[in-house]
Amino acid sequence: MRPHKNEPVRAIVVSPEHKGLKLEELLNRKAVADLLGVSTATLKTWVCERKGPHFFKMGNGRGSRVYYRREDVEAWLNREAVRVEMKG
């Protein structure tokens, strides 16, 4: 059974840090788009251009799906954030 569009999926991911398999919750493209305030089309473009948060592809070719780890999305946000000081 496939999960609902906005629900995280459970998948086995090879984690380079741990050199092994780790069961993690992954976010789908729609959930990440909502978190970042961008469209799913923007995320698709970023995947093609290898921009944005780290992602995982499951499957081959046109039918493959892209998923993100929440921690990777948060790390990307922290790297990309620019602090703006307000005068006043």
N, C-alpha and C. Protein backbone atom coordinates (compact mmCIF):
# COMPACT_ATOMS: atom_id res chain seq x y z
N MET A 1 0.84 -1.19 0.00
CA MET A 1 0.00 0.00 0.00
C MET A 1 0.88 1.25 0.00
N ARG A 2 0.58 2.20 -0.87
CA ARG A 2 1.34 3.44 -0.94
C ARG A 2 0.86 4.41 0.13
N PRO A 3 1.78 5.19 0.72
CA PRO A 3 1.36 6.17 1.71
C PRO A 3 0.63 7.34 1.05
N HIS A 4 -0.11 8.08 1.85
CA HIS A 4 -0.77 9.29 1.39
C HIS A 4 0.28 10.27 0.89
N LYS A 5 -0.06 11.15 -0.04
CA LYS A 5 0.89 12.05 -0.69
C LYS A 5 1.76 12.84 0.29
N ASN A 6 1.21 13.33 1.40
CA ASN A 6 1.96 14.19 2.30
C ASN A 6 2.56 13.45 3.49
N GLU A 7 2.38 12.16 3.56
CA GLU A 7 2.94 11.40 4.67
C GLU A 7 4.35 10.95 4.36
N PRO A 8 5.22 10.94 5.41
CA PRO A 8 6.56 10.39 5.18
C PRO A 8 6.46 8.91 4.85
N VAL A 9 7.40 8.41 4.09
CA VAL A 9 7.45 6.99 3.81
C VAL A 9 8.59 6.39 4.62
N ARG A 10 8.53 5.09 4.83
CA ARG A 10 9.61 4.43 5.53
C ARG A 10 10.42 3.68 4.48
N ALA A 11 11.71 3.86 4.54
CA ALA A 11 12.57 3.24 3.55
C ALA A 11 13.90 2.89 4.19
N ILE A 12 14.57 1.93 3.63
CA ILE A 12 15.92 1.60 4.08
C ILE A 12 16.89 2.42 3.25
N VAL A 13 17.73 3.16 3.93
CA VAL A 13 18.66 4.07 3.28
C VAL A 13 20.08 3.70 3.69
N VAL A 14 20.97 3.65 2.74
CA VAL A 14 22.38 3.44 3.07
C VAL A 14 22.95 4.77 3.51
N SER A 15 23.40 4.83 4.74
CA SER A 15 23.93 6.05 5.31
C SER A 15 25.45 6.02 5.28
N PRO A 16 26.10 6.92 4.52
CA PRO A 16 27.56 6.89 4.43
C PRO A 16 28.24 7.09 5.78
N GLU A 17 27.61 7.87 6.65
CA GLU A 17 28.20 8.12 7.96
C GLU A 17 28.26 6.84 8.80
N HIS A 18 27.28 5.98 8.64
CA HIS A 18 27.19 4.77 9.46
C HIS A 18 27.66 3.52 8.72
N LYS A 19 27.95 3.66 7.44
CA LYS A 19 28.41 2.53 6.63
C LYS A 19 27.49 1.33 6.74
N GLY A 20 26.20 1.58 6.79
CA GLY A 20 25.27 0.47 6.88
C GLY A 20 23.86 0.90 6.55
N LEU A 21 22.94 0.02 6.77
CA LEU A 21 21.54 0.31 6.49
C LEU A 21 20.89 0.91 7.71
N LYS A 22 20.04 1.88 7.48
CA LYS A 22 19.35 2.55 8.57
C LYS A 22 17.91 2.84 8.13
N LEU A 23 16.96 2.48 8.93
CA LEU A 23 15.55 2.74 8.63
C LEU A 23 15.25 4.18 9.03
N GLU A 24 14.77 4.97 8.09
CA GLU A 24 14.51 6.37 8.35
C GLU A 24 13.18 6.79 7.74
N GLU A 25 12.66 7.90 8.23
CA GLU A 25 11.48 8.48 7.61
C GLU A 25 11.94 9.45 6.55
N LEU A 26 11.39 9.33 5.37
CA LEU A 26 11.72 10.22 4.27
C LEU A 26 10.51 11.07 3.91
N LEU A 27 10.77 12.27 3.43
CA LEU A 27 9.71 13.18 3.00
C LEU A 27 9.61 13.14 1.48
N ASN A 28 8.39 13.19 0.98
CA ASN A 28 8.23 13.23 -0.47
C ASN A 28 8.36 14.68 -0.97
N ARG A 29 8.34 14.85 -2.28
CA ARG A 29 8.55 16.16 -2.89
C ARG A 29 7.52 17.19 -2.41
N LYS A 30 6.27 16.80 -2.31
CA LYS A 30 5.21 17.73 -1.89
C LYS A 30 5.44 18.23 -0.47
N ALA A 31 5.82 17.34 0.44
CA ALA A 31 6.06 17.73 1.83
C ALA A 31 7.24 18.70 1.92
N VAL A 32 8.29 18.46 1.14
CA VAL A 32 9.46 19.35 1.16
C VAL A 32 9.11 20.70 0.54
N ALA A 33 8.36 20.68 -0.55
CA ALA A 33 7.93 21.93 -1.18
C ALA A 33 7.15 22.78 -0.18
N ASP A 34 6.27 22.16 0.57
CA ASP A 34 5.49 22.89 1.58
C ASP A 34 6.39 23.46 2.67
N LEU A 35 7.38 22.67 3.12
CA LEU A 35 8.31 23.14 4.15
C LEU A 35 9.13 24.32 3.68
N LEU A 36 9.57 24.29 2.42
CA LEU A 36 10.45 25.33 1.90
C LEU A 36 9.71 26.51 1.29
N GLY A 37 8.41 26.34 1.05
CA GLY A 37 7.64 27.41 0.43
C GLY A 37 7.94 27.59 -1.04
N VAL A 38 8.26 26.48 -1.71
CA VAL A 38 8.51 26.50 -3.16
C VAL A 38 7.56 25.50 -3.81
N SER A 39 7.50 25.53 -5.12
CA SER A 39 6.63 24.59 -5.83
C SER A 39 7.34 23.25 -6.02
N THR A 40 6.56 22.22 -6.29
CA THR A 40 7.16 20.92 -6.60
C THR A 40 7.93 21.00 -7.91
N ALA A 41 7.51 21.88 -8.81
CA ALA A 41 8.24 22.07 -10.07
C ALA A 41 9.64 22.62 -9.80
N THR A 42 9.75 23.52 -8.83
CA THR A 42 11.07 24.05 -8.45
C THR A 42 11.95 22.93 -7.93
N LEU A 43 11.40 22.06 -7.10
CA LEU A 43 12.18 20.93 -6.58
C LEU A 43 12.62 20.01 -7.71
N LYS A 44 11.74 19.77 -8.66
CA LYS A 44 12.11 18.93 -9.82
C LYS A 44 13.28 19.54 -10.57
N THR A 45 13.23 20.85 -10.77
CA THR A 45 14.32 21.55 -11.45
C THR A 45 15.60 21.42 -10.65
N TRP A 46 15.52 21.61 -9.33
CA TRP A 46 16.71 21.50 -8.47
C TRP A 46 17.31 20.10 -8.55
N VAL A 47 16.47 19.08 -8.61
CA VAL A 47 16.98 17.71 -8.72
C VAL A 47 17.76 17.56 -10.04
N CYS A 48 17.19 18.04 -11.12
CA CYS A 48 17.87 17.95 -12.43
C CYS A 48 19.19 18.72 -12.44
N GLU A 49 19.22 19.84 -11.72
CA GLU A 49 20.41 20.68 -11.68
C GLU A 49 21.33 20.34 -10.51
N ARG A 50 20.95 19.34 -9.72
CA ARG A 50 21.71 18.93 -8.54
C ARG A 50 21.88 20.09 -7.56
N LYS A 51 20.79 20.83 -7.35
CA LYS A 51 20.74 21.93 -6.37
C LYS A 51 19.81 21.51 -5.25
N GLY A 52 19.74 22.35 -4.23
CA GLY A 52 18.80 22.12 -3.14
C GLY A 52 19.27 21.05 -2.18
N PRO A 53 18.36 20.60 -1.31
CA PRO A 53 18.72 19.60 -0.31
C PRO A 53 19.10 18.26 -0.95
N HIS A 54 19.92 17.48 -0.24
CA HIS A 54 20.26 16.14 -0.70
C HIS A 54 18.97 15.33 -0.85
N PHE A 55 18.94 14.43 -1.81
CA PHE A 55 17.74 13.63 -2.06
C PHE A 55 18.14 12.21 -2.40
N PHE A 56 17.15 11.33 -2.38
CA PHE A 56 17.33 9.92 -2.73
C PHE A 56 16.34 9.60 -3.84
N LYS A 57 16.79 8.86 -4.84
CA LYS A 57 15.89 8.39 -5.89
C LYS A 57 15.66 6.91 -5.67
N MET A 58 14.41 6.52 -5.82
CA MET A 58 14.04 5.11 -5.71
C MET A 58 13.41 4.70 -7.02
N GLY A 59 13.98 3.74 -7.66
CA GLY A 59 13.50 3.28 -8.96
C GLY A 59 14.40 3.79 -10.07
N ASN A 60 14.06 3.38 -11.28
CA ASN A 60 14.85 3.76 -12.45
C ASN A 60 14.01 4.53 -13.43
N GLY A 61 14.64 5.42 -14.16
CA GLY A 61 13.98 6.10 -15.26
C GLY A 61 12.88 7.04 -14.84
N ARG A 62 11.92 7.18 -15.71
CA ARG A 62 10.84 8.15 -15.52
C ARG A 62 9.94 7.82 -14.34
N GLY A 63 9.89 6.56 -13.96
CA GLY A 63 9.02 6.17 -12.85
C GLY A 63 9.66 6.28 -11.48
N SER A 64 10.91 6.76 -11.43
CA SER A 64 11.58 6.84 -10.13
C SER A 64 10.97 7.94 -9.28
N ARG A 65 11.09 7.76 -7.99
CA ARG A 65 10.55 8.74 -7.05
C ARG A 65 11.70 9.36 -6.27
N VAL A 66 11.50 10.62 -5.88
CA VAL A 66 12.52 11.36 -5.13
C VAL A 66 12.02 11.56 -3.71
N TYR A 67 12.89 11.31 -2.74
CA TYR A 67 12.58 11.50 -1.33
C TYR A 67 13.72 12.24 -0.66
N TYR A 68 13.40 12.88 0.45
CA TYR A 68 14.37 13.68 1.20
C TYR A 68 14.32 13.28 2.67
N ARG A 69 15.49 13.32 3.33
CA ARG A 69 15.51 13.17 4.79
C ARG A 69 15.28 14.55 5.39
N ARG A 70 14.46 14.62 6.43
CA ARG A 70 14.17 15.91 7.08
C ARG A 70 15.47 16.59 7.53
N GLU A 71 16.40 15.81 8.08
CA GLU A 71 17.65 16.41 8.57
C GLU A 71 18.46 17.02 7.42
N ASP A 72 18.38 16.45 6.23
CA ASP A 72 19.08 17.03 5.08
C ASP A 72 18.44 18.34 4.64
N VAL A 73 17.12 18.40 4.71
CA VAL A 73 16.40 19.63 4.36
C VAL A 73 16.75 20.72 5.36
N GLU A 74 16.75 20.38 6.65
CA GLU A 74 17.08 21.36 7.68
C GLU A 74 18.53 21.83 7.55
N ALA A 75 19.46 20.91 7.27
CA ALA A 75 20.87 21.28 7.10
C ALA A 75 21.03 22.21 5.91
N TRP A 76 20.33 21.93 4.82
CA TRP A 76 20.41 22.78 3.64
C TRP A 76 19.88 24.18 3.96
N LEU A 77 18.77 24.25 4.69
CA LEU A 77 18.21 25.55 5.08
C LEU A 77 19.22 26.34 5.91
N ASN A 78 19.88 25.67 6.85
CA ASN A 78 20.87 26.35 7.69
C ASN A 78 22.06 26.85 6.88
N ARG A 79 22.47 26.09 5.87
CA ARG A 79 23.59 26.53 5.01
C ARG A 79 23.19 27.71 4.12
N GLU A 80 21.95 27.69 3.66
CA GLU A 80 21.49 28.71 2.71
C GLU A 80 20.94 29.96 3.36
N ALA A 81 20.63 29.89 4.65
CA ALA A 81 20.00 31.03 5.34
C ALA A 81 20.97 32.20 5.42
N VAL A 82 20.44 33.38 5.23
CA VAL A 82 21.21 34.62 5.37
C VAL A 82 20.54 35.44 6.45
N ARG A 83 21.30 35.80 7.48
CA ARG A 83 20.73 36.58 8.58
C ARG A 83 20.70 38.04 8.16
N VAL A 84 19.56 38.67 8.37
CA VAL A 84 19.39 40.08 8.04
C VAL A 84 19.17 40.84 9.33
N GLU A 85 20.05 41.79 9.59
CA GLU A 85 19.93 42.60 10.80
C GLU A 85 19.03 43.80 10.49
N MET A 86 18.07 44.03 11.36
CA MET A 86 17.15 45.15 11.19
C MET A 86 17.67 46.34 11.99
N LYS A 87 17.65 47.51 11.37
CA LYS A 87 18.05 48.74 12.07
C LYS A 87 16.85 49.28 12.80
N GLY A 88 17.10 49.86 13.95
CA GLY A 88 15.96 50.45 14.61
C GLY A 88 16.09 50.51 16.01
